[in-house]
Amino acid sequence: MEKIRINSCETHIYRALDEVTAKTENFPDMEKIYTEEELSTVCDYCAQAAIYVVSNT
């Protein structure tokens, strides 16, 4: 199975959850990015800081 990992801001979290669910047909894992990592991680859909990582593992 392909590993999927999407960084997401608050605005795009539902889009990321839907995308991983559609690709894997399973409910994805959602983890909060903590402050130190958040500073350098951007959302995969826009240029805002990512708050969550959505993945299938």
N, C-alpha and C. Protein backbone atom coordinates (compact mmCIF):
# COMPACT_ATOMS: atom_id res chain seq x y z
N MET A 1 0.83 -1.19 0.00
CA MET A 1 0.00 0.00 0.00
C MET A 1 0.88 1.26 0.00
N GLU A 2 0.49 2.20 -0.79
CA GLU A 2 1.21 3.47 -0.88
C GLU A 2 1.05 4.28 0.41
N LYS A 3 2.17 4.84 0.88
CA LYS A 3 2.12 5.67 2.07
C LYS A 3 1.71 7.08 1.67
N ILE A 4 0.68 7.60 2.31
CA ILE A 4 0.17 8.94 2.04
C ILE A 4 0.38 9.79 3.28
N ARG A 5 0.89 11.00 3.07
CA ARG A 5 1.13 11.93 4.18
C ARG A 5 0.84 13.34 3.67
N ILE A 6 -0.13 14.01 4.29
CA ILE A 6 -0.53 15.34 3.87
C ILE A 6 -0.41 16.29 5.06
N ASN A 7 0.32 17.38 4.86
CA ASN A 7 0.40 18.44 5.86
C ASN A 7 -0.76 19.38 5.61
N SER A 8 -1.47 19.77 6.67
CA SER A 8 -2.68 20.56 6.49
C SER A 8 -2.81 21.67 7.53
N CYS A 9 -3.30 22.81 7.06
CA CYS A 9 -3.66 23.90 7.97
C CYS A 9 -5.08 23.65 8.48
N GLU A 10 -5.55 24.52 9.36
CA GLU A 10 -6.90 24.38 9.92
C GLU A 10 -7.97 24.46 8.83
N THR A 11 -7.77 25.30 7.85
CA THR A 11 -8.74 25.50 6.78
C THR A 11 -8.91 24.26 5.90
N HIS A 12 -7.85 23.53 5.65
CA HIS A 12 -7.88 22.42 4.70
C HIS A 12 -7.90 21.04 5.34
N ILE A 13 -8.12 20.94 6.65
CA ILE A 13 -8.06 19.64 7.32
C ILE A 13 -9.11 18.67 6.78
N TYR A 14 -10.31 19.14 6.51
CA TYR A 14 -11.35 18.23 6.01
C TYR A 14 -11.04 17.75 4.60
N ARG A 15 -10.43 18.59 3.81
CA ARG A 15 -10.01 18.20 2.46
C ARG A 15 -8.96 17.10 2.53
N ALA A 16 -7.99 17.26 3.43
CA ALA A 16 -6.94 16.25 3.60
C ALA A 16 -7.53 14.93 4.09
N LEU A 17 -8.43 14.99 5.07
CA LEU A 17 -9.07 13.77 5.57
C LEU A 17 -9.86 13.07 4.47
N ASP A 18 -10.61 13.84 3.68
CA ASP A 18 -11.38 13.27 2.58
C ASP A 18 -10.48 12.64 1.53
N GLU A 19 -9.39 13.30 1.21
CA GLU A 19 -8.48 12.79 0.17
C GLU A 19 -7.85 11.46 0.57
N VAL A 20 -7.36 11.38 1.80
CA VAL A 20 -6.74 10.13 2.27
C VAL A 20 -7.79 9.02 2.37
N THR A 21 -8.97 9.36 2.85
CA THR A 21 -10.05 8.37 2.94
C THR A 21 -10.43 7.83 1.56
N ALA A 22 -10.53 8.72 0.58
CA ALA A 22 -10.89 8.31 -0.78
C ALA A 22 -9.82 7.42 -1.40
N LYS A 23 -8.56 7.73 -1.16
CA LYS A 23 -7.46 6.95 -1.75
C LYS A 23 -7.27 5.60 -1.09
N THR A 24 -7.50 5.52 0.21
CA THR A 24 -7.22 4.28 0.94
C THR A 24 -8.47 3.49 1.32
N GLU A 25 -9.64 4.12 1.25
CA GLU A 25 -10.90 3.53 1.67
C GLU A 25 -10.90 3.13 3.14
N ASN A 26 -10.06 3.78 3.92
CA ASN A 26 -10.00 3.61 5.37
C ASN A 26 -9.93 4.98 6.01
N PHE A 27 -10.32 5.06 7.28
CA PHE A 27 -10.23 6.33 7.98
C PHE A 27 -8.75 6.61 8.27
N PRO A 28 -8.28 7.81 7.97
CA PRO A 28 -6.86 8.14 8.15
C PRO A 28 -6.50 8.48 9.59
N ASP A 29 -5.20 8.52 9.85
CA ASP A 29 -4.67 9.00 11.12
C ASP A 29 -4.46 10.50 11.01
N MET A 30 -4.74 11.22 12.09
CA MET A 30 -4.55 12.66 12.11
C MET A 30 -3.74 13.00 13.36
N GLU A 31 -2.60 13.65 13.14
CA GLU A 31 -1.73 14.03 14.26
C GLU A 31 -1.53 15.53 14.25
N LYS A 32 -1.48 16.12 15.43
CA LYS A 32 -1.21 17.55 15.54
C LYS A 32 0.29 17.77 15.47
N ILE A 33 0.69 18.81 14.73
CA ILE A 33 2.09 19.19 14.66
C ILE A 33 2.36 20.14 15.81
N TYR A 34 3.40 19.87 16.54
CA TYR A 34 3.71 20.72 17.69
C TYR A 34 4.51 21.94 17.27
N THR A 35 4.52 22.95 18.08
CA THR A 35 5.02 24.29 17.78
C THR A 35 6.36 24.33 17.07
N GLU A 36 7.36 23.61 17.51
CA GLU A 36 8.68 23.68 16.89
C GLU A 36 8.64 23.22 15.43
N GLU A 37 7.93 22.14 15.15
CA GLU A 37 7.81 21.64 13.78
C GLU A 37 6.91 22.53 12.94
N GLU A 38 5.91 23.11 13.58
CA GLU A 38 4.90 23.91 12.87
C GLU A 38 5.51 25.11 12.18
N LEU A 39 6.55 25.66 12.73
CA LEU A 39 7.16 26.86 12.17
C LEU A 39 7.70 26.64 10.76
N SER A 40 8.19 25.46 10.46
CA SER A 40 8.81 25.21 9.16
C SER A 40 7.96 24.34 8.23
N THR A 41 6.80 23.89 8.69
CA THR A 41 5.96 23.02 7.87
C THR A 41 4.80 23.81 7.30
N VAL A 42 4.63 23.74 5.98
CA VAL A 42 3.52 24.46 5.34
C VAL A 42 2.46 23.48 4.87
N CYS A 43 1.26 23.98 4.73
CA CYS A 43 0.12 23.21 4.24
C CYS A 43 0.39 22.79 2.80
N ASP A 44 -0.01 21.58 2.45
CA ASP A 44 0.16 21.09 1.08
C ASP A 44 -0.82 21.74 0.10
N TYR A 45 -1.81 22.45 0.61
CA TYR A 45 -2.81 23.09 -0.24
C TYR A 45 -2.65 24.60 -0.35
N CYS A 46 -1.93 25.21 0.56
CA CYS A 46 -1.75 26.66 0.55
C CYS A 46 -0.42 27.00 1.24
N ALA A 47 -0.15 28.26 1.46
CA ALA A 47 1.13 28.67 2.04
C ALA A 47 1.06 28.90 3.55
N GLN A 48 -0.06 28.59 4.18
CA GLN A 48 -0.18 28.77 5.62
C GLN A 48 0.59 27.69 6.37
N ALA A 49 0.87 27.96 7.63
CA ALA A 49 1.55 26.96 8.46
C ALA A 49 0.66 25.75 8.68
N ALA A 50 1.23 24.57 8.56
CA ALA A 50 0.47 23.32 8.78
C ALA A 50 0.30 23.09 10.27
N ILE A 51 -0.87 22.61 10.64
CA ILE A 51 -1.18 22.31 12.03
C ILE A 51 -1.32 20.81 12.23
N TYR A 52 -1.71 20.09 11.17
CA TYR A 52 -1.96 18.66 11.25
C TYR A 52 -1.21 17.89 10.16
N VAL A 53 -0.94 16.63 10.46
CA VAL A 53 -0.44 15.68 9.47
C VAL A 53 -1.49 14.59 9.37
N VAL A 54 -1.99 14.36 8.16
CA VAL A 54 -2.97 13.32 7.90
C VAL A 54 -2.26 12.24 7.09
N SER A 55 -2.36 10.99 7.56
CA SER A 55 -1.67 9.89 6.87
C SER A 55 -2.48 8.62 6.96
N ASN A 56 -2.01 7.61 6.25
CA ASN A 56 -2.67 6.31 6.29
C ASN A 56 -1.88 5.30 7.11
N THR A 57 -0.89 5.77 7.83
CA THR A 57 -0.12 4.86 8.69
C THR A 57 0.00 5.40 10.08
